[in-house]
N, C-alpha and C. Protein backbone atom coordinates (compact mmCIF):
# COMPACT_ATOMS: atom_id res chain seq x y z
N MET A 1 9.33 11.30 -32.58
CA MET A 1 10.58 11.06 -32.71
C MET A 1 11.08 10.84 -31.18
N LYS A 2 12.19 10.49 -31.01
CA LYS A 2 12.64 10.17 -30.20
C LYS A 2 13.34 10.83 -29.23
N THR A 3 13.30 10.83 -28.07
CA THR A 3 13.91 11.94 -27.04
C THR A 3 15.37 11.43 -26.39
N LEU A 4 16.12 12.11 -25.82
CA LEU A 4 17.58 11.91 -25.86
C LEU A 4 17.36 10.55 -24.78
N PHE A 5 16.74 10.84 -23.73
CA PHE A 5 16.14 9.60 -22.68
C PHE A 5 16.29 8.16 -23.54
N ASP A 6 14.85 8.17 -24.26
CA ASP A 6 14.73 6.70 -24.76
C ASP A 6 16.04 6.31 -25.65
N ARG A 7 16.66 6.82 -26.55
CA ARG A 7 17.72 6.57 -27.03
C ARG A 7 18.73 6.10 -26.05
N VAL A 8 18.93 6.78 -25.05
CA VAL A 8 20.35 6.15 -24.22
C VAL A 8 19.69 4.86 -23.37
N THR A 9 18.49 4.77 -23.16
CA THR A 9 17.85 3.62 -22.21
C THR A 9 17.90 2.34 -23.15
N ALA A 10 17.42 2.66 -24.67
CA ALA A 10 17.39 1.35 -25.89
C ALA A 10 19.23 0.97 -25.73
N THR A 11 19.86 2.27 -25.96
CA THR A 11 21.43 1.46 -26.13
C THR A 11 21.83 0.49 -24.46
N GLY A 12 21.12 1.56 -23.39
CA GLY A 12 22.11 0.50 -22.45
C GLY A 12 21.27 -0.67 -22.23
N ALA A 13 19.85 -0.93 -22.37
CA ALA A 13 19.18 -2.25 -22.52
C ALA A 13 19.91 -2.81 -23.46
N ALA A 14 20.29 -2.19 -24.54
CA ALA A 14 21.05 -3.54 -25.74
C ALA A 14 22.28 -3.67 -25.34
N ALA A 15 22.75 -3.18 -24.70
CA ALA A 15 24.21 -3.30 -24.22
C ALA A 15 24.05 -5.17 -23.13
N VAL A 16 23.30 -4.73 -22.38
CA VAL A 16 22.89 -5.20 -21.25
C VAL A 16 21.99 -6.59 -21.90
N ALA A 17 21.95 -6.74 -22.62
CA ALA A 17 20.78 -7.66 -22.94
C ALA A 17 21.18 -9.30 -22.90
N PRO A 18 22.45 -9.48 -23.29
CA PRO A 18 23.15 -10.69 -23.15
C PRO A 18 23.03 -11.44 -21.78
N LEU A 19 23.54 -10.09 -20.83
CA LEU A 19 23.38 -10.52 -19.36
C LEU A 19 22.26 -10.90 -19.11
N LYS A 20 21.14 -10.57 -19.32
CA LYS A 20 19.84 -11.33 -18.98
C LYS A 20 19.56 -12.38 -18.94
N ASN A 21 19.99 -12.98 -19.81
CA ASN A 21 20.02 -14.41 -19.55
C ASN A 21 20.84 -15.32 -18.85
N TYR A 22 21.77 -14.65 -18.26
CA TYR A 22 22.45 -15.28 -16.66
C TYR A 22 22.06 -14.22 -15.59
N PRO A 23 20.88 -14.35 -14.92
CA PRO A 23 20.60 -13.32 -14.10
C PRO A 23 21.38 -13.10 -13.07
N LEU A 24 22.00 -14.67 -12.35
CA LEU A 24 23.15 -15.05 -11.19
C LEU A 24 24.38 -13.88 -11.62
N LEU A 25 24.83 -13.95 -12.91
CA LEU A 25 25.97 -13.26 -13.29
C LEU A 25 26.10 -11.49 -13.63
N TYR A 26 24.44 -11.33 -13.81
CA TYR A 26 24.22 -10.06 -13.85
C TYR A 26 24.00 -9.16 -12.54
N ARG A 27 23.40 -9.92 -11.73
CA ARG A 27 23.38 -9.33 -10.27
C ARG A 27 25.04 -9.21 -9.54
N SER A 28 25.54 -10.27 -9.74
CA SER A 28 26.81 -10.46 -9.37
C SER A 28 27.69 -9.18 -9.80
N LEU A 29 27.45 -8.91 -11.13
CA LEU A 29 28.38 -7.95 -11.64
C LEU A 29 27.74 -6.72 -11.21
N GLY A 30 26.58 -6.34 -10.73
CA GLY A 30 26.04 -5.22 -10.11
C GLY A 30 26.86 -5.29 -8.77
N LEU A 31 26.87 -6.31 -8.22
CA LEU A 31 27.17 -6.29 -6.64
C LEU A 31 28.80 -5.71 -6.41
N ALA A 32 29.29 -6.76 -7.53
CA ALA A 32 30.92 -6.32 -7.42
C ALA A 32 31.40 -4.93 -7.94
N LEU A 33 30.71 -4.32 -8.81
CA LEU A 33 30.67 -2.96 -9.50
C LEU A 33 30.40 -1.82 -8.41
N SER A 34 29.42 -1.90 -7.55
CA SER A 34 29.23 -1.07 -6.40
C SER A 34 30.26 -1.28 -5.13
N LEU A 35 30.99 -2.85 -4.79
CA LEU A 35 32.13 -2.56 -4.21
C LEU A 35 33.40 -2.04 -4.68
N VAL A 36 33.54 -1.86 -6.11
CA VAL A 36 34.64 -1.49 -6.52
C VAL A 36 34.69 0.29 -6.31
N LEU A 37 33.35 0.57 -6.85
CA LEU A 37 33.31 1.99 -7.05
C LEU A 37 33.41 2.79 -5.13
N TYR A 38 32.97 1.59 -4.18
CA TYR A 38 32.85 2.00 -3.00
C TYR A 38 34.35 2.29 -2.59
N ILE A 39 35.23 1.04 -2.92
CA ILE A 39 36.28 1.20 -2.49
C ILE A 39 37.27 2.27 -3.15
N THR A 40 37.33 2.70 -4.65
CA THR A 40 37.86 3.65 -5.39
C THR A 40 37.58 4.93 -4.70
N GLY A 41 36.19 4.90 -4.07
CA GLY A 41 36.10 6.72 -3.75
C GLY A 41 36.62 6.81 -2.43
N VAL A 42 36.87 5.69 -1.67
CA VAL A 42 37.58 5.31 -0.17
C VAL A 42 38.94 5.78 -0.62
N LEU A 43 39.36 5.56 -1.19
CA LEU A 43 41.08 5.49 -1.83
C LEU A 43 41.02 7.01 -2.20
N LEU A 44 40.42 7.12 -3.43
CA LEU A 44 40.29 8.57 -3.48
C LEU A 44 40.15 9.71 -2.87
N VAL A 45 39.61 9.53 -1.49
CA VAL A 45 39.18 10.49 -0.95
C VAL A 45 40.57 10.75 -0.17
N ASP A 46 41.45 9.41 0.47
CA ASP A 46 42.45 9.36 0.93
C ASP A 46 43.52 9.95 -0.04
N ALA A 47 43.48 9.65 -1.20
CA ALA A 47 44.64 10.18 -2.17
C ALA A 47 44.60 11.43 -2.04
N LEU A 48 43.57 12.23 -1.60
CA LEU A 48 43.68 13.58 -1.99
C LEU A 48 43.52 14.30 -1.15
N THR A 49 43.25 13.82 0.47
CA THR A 49 43.22 14.37 1.65
C THR A 49 44.02 14.07 2.50
N SER A 50 44.89 14.65 3.38
CA SER A 50 45.62 13.98 4.48
C SER A 50 45.05 13.67 5.80
N ILE A 51 43.51 14.22 5.66
CA ILE A 51 42.54 14.06 7.30
C ILE A 51 42.34 12.61 7.35
N GLY A 52 42.75 12.16 8.27
CA GLY A 52 42.28 10.68 8.30
C GLY A 52 40.84 10.33 8.57
N PHE A 53 40.17 11.49 9.15
CA PHE A 53 39.02 11.54 9.69
C PHE A 53 37.99 11.63 8.86
N LEU A 54 38.47 12.29 7.76
CA LEU A 54 37.42 12.50 6.76
C LEU A 54 37.17 11.17 5.46
N VAL A 55 38.66 10.52 5.87
CA VAL A 55 38.63 9.16 5.07
C VAL A 55 37.34 8.03 5.67
N VAL A 56 37.66 7.93 7.12
CA VAL A 56 36.53 7.27 7.85
C VAL A 56 35.09 8.07 7.50
N LEU A 57 34.80 9.14 7.78
CA LEU A 57 33.64 9.64 7.65
C LEU A 57 32.76 9.38 6.03
N THR A 58 33.62 9.37 5.22
CA THR A 58 33.61 9.09 3.50
C THR A 58 33.09 7.58 3.65
N ALA A 59 33.95 6.90 4.19
CA ALA A 59 33.47 5.34 4.02
C ALA A 59 32.35 5.12 4.86
N ILE A 60 31.60 5.69 6.25
CA ILE A 60 30.92 5.79 6.82
C ILE A 60 29.53 6.17 6.12
N TYR A 61 29.75 7.40 5.29
CA TYR A 61 28.57 7.97 4.66
C TYR A 61 28.43 6.91 3.46
N PHE A 62 28.96 6.26 2.92
CA PHE A 62 28.77 5.61 1.60
C PHE A 62 28.57 4.07 1.99
N LEU A 63 28.66 3.64 2.99
CA LEU A 63 28.35 2.45 3.01
C LEU A 63 26.88 1.82 3.14
N PRO A 64 26.08 2.45 3.67
CA PRO A 64 24.55 2.20 3.09
C PRO A 64 24.36 1.79 1.63
N ALA A 65 25.11 2.76 0.88
CA ALA A 65 24.84 1.96 -0.21
C ALA A 65 25.47 0.82 -0.64
N LEU A 66 26.62 0.45 -0.36
CA LEU A 66 26.80 -0.75 -0.53
C LEU A 66 26.29 -1.66 0.10
N LEU A 67 26.01 -1.29 1.51
CA LEU A 67 24.95 -2.48 1.78
C LEU A 67 23.53 -2.68 1.25
N ARG A 68 23.13 -1.66 0.73
CA ARG A 68 21.65 -1.69 -0.30
C ARG A 68 21.87 -2.52 -1.12
N ALA A 69 23.25 -2.45 -2.05
CA ALA A 69 23.81 -3.29 -2.92
C ALA A 69 23.48 -5.00 -2.98
N TRP A 70 24.12 -5.40 -1.35
CA TRP A 70 24.01 -6.66 -1.24
C TRP A 70 22.71 -7.10 -0.88
N LEU A 71 22.14 -6.23 0.03
CA LEU A 71 20.68 -6.89 0.42
C LEU A 71 19.70 -6.95 -1.27
N LEU A 72 20.08 -5.92 -2.09
CA LEU A 72 19.26 -6.10 -3.23
C LEU A 72 19.63 -7.64 -4.04
N PHE A 73 20.96 -7.89 -3.85
CA PHE A 73 21.37 -8.96 -4.57
C PHE A 73 20.73 -10.25 -3.64
N TYR A 74 20.91 -10.57 -2.28
CA TYR A 74 20.17 -11.01 -1.57
C TYR A 74 18.77 -11.48 -1.86
N TRP A 75 17.80 -10.58 -1.61
CA TRP A 75 16.65 -10.63 -1.85
C TRP A 75 16.36 -11.41 -2.92
N GLN A 76 16.90 -10.62 -4.12
CA GLN A 76 16.54 -11.11 -5.60
C GLN A 76 16.44 -12.89 -5.70
N LEU A 77 18.20 -12.89 -5.22
CA LEU A 77 18.57 -14.50 -5.22
C LEU A 77 17.65 -15.25 -4.48
N ARG A 78 17.52 -14.84 -3.03
CA ARG A 78 16.13 -15.79 -2.46
C ARG A 78 15.00 -15.91 -2.93
N ASP A 79 14.12 -15.11 -3.75
CA ASP A 79 13.24 -14.70 -4.36
C ASP A 79 13.38 -16.04 -5.70
N GLU A 80 14.30 -16.15 -6.15
CA GLU A 80 14.27 -16.85 -7.63
C GLU A 80 14.62 -18.27 -6.87
N VAL A 81 15.54 -18.48 -5.92
CA VAL A 81 15.66 -19.70 -5.42
C VAL A 81 14.06 -20.51 -4.91
N ALA A 82 13.52 -19.28 -4.12
CA ALA A 82 12.03 -19.79 -3.74
C ALA A 82 11.06 -20.40 -4.84
N ALA A 83 11.04 -19.14 -5.84
CA ALA A 83 10.58 -19.71 -6.85
C ALA A 83 10.98 -20.81 -7.82
N TRP A 84 12.05 -21.14 -8.01
CA TRP A 84 12.80 -22.34 -8.70
C TRP A 84 12.20 -23.58 -7.62
N ARG A 85 12.36 -23.59 -6.54
CA ARG A 85 11.52 -24.58 -5.63
C ARG A 85 10.28 -24.66 -5.65
N GLY A 86 9.45 -23.54 -6.09
CA GLY A 86 8.22 -23.90 -5.83
C GLY A 86 7.66 -24.96 -7.53
N ARG A 87 8.44 -24.18 -8.61
CA ARG A 87 7.83 -24.96 -9.75
C ARG A 87 8.11 -26.46 -9.72
N ARG A 88 9.99 -26.81 -8.83
CA ARG A 88 10.17 -28.36 -8.75
C ARG A 88 8.79 -28.95 -8.28
N SER A 89 8.40 -28.44 -7.18
CA SER A 89 7.53 -29.02 -5.90
C SER A 89 5.96 -29.02 -6.59
N GLY A 90 5.90 -28.31 -7.85
CA GLY A 90 4.32 -28.45 -8.55
C GLY A 90 3.64 -27.42 -7.79
N LYS A 91 4.08 -26.83 -7.07
CA LYS A 91 3.57 -25.75 -5.93
C LYS A 91 2.87 -24.27 -6.67
N ALA A 92 1.99 -24.03 -6.59
CA ALA A 92 2.01 -22.29 -7.17
C ALA A 92 2.18 -21.55 -5.86
N PHE A 93 2.83 -20.45 -6.61
CA PHE A 93 3.11 -19.66 -5.36
C PHE A 93 2.02 -18.11 -5.70
């Protein structure tokens, strides 16, 4: 019997399976989604409060999550380019 976690994981994996064929697009969408969520969160805090300082604190607090998404995108892309160059030159890595 499958657990709820197994079912959700299988459904989620099936939903993104076509994107796995295009890793650059897949990772770019993840980066764009994190950027949209970051901006939406800051604008939501701005709309709900009239305290400008709280908006700045929210933006600074969640900035590492946005930077992490960018770094993951960069590192994975760099590794793929290095592997691609290695395959073209015939060198093993």
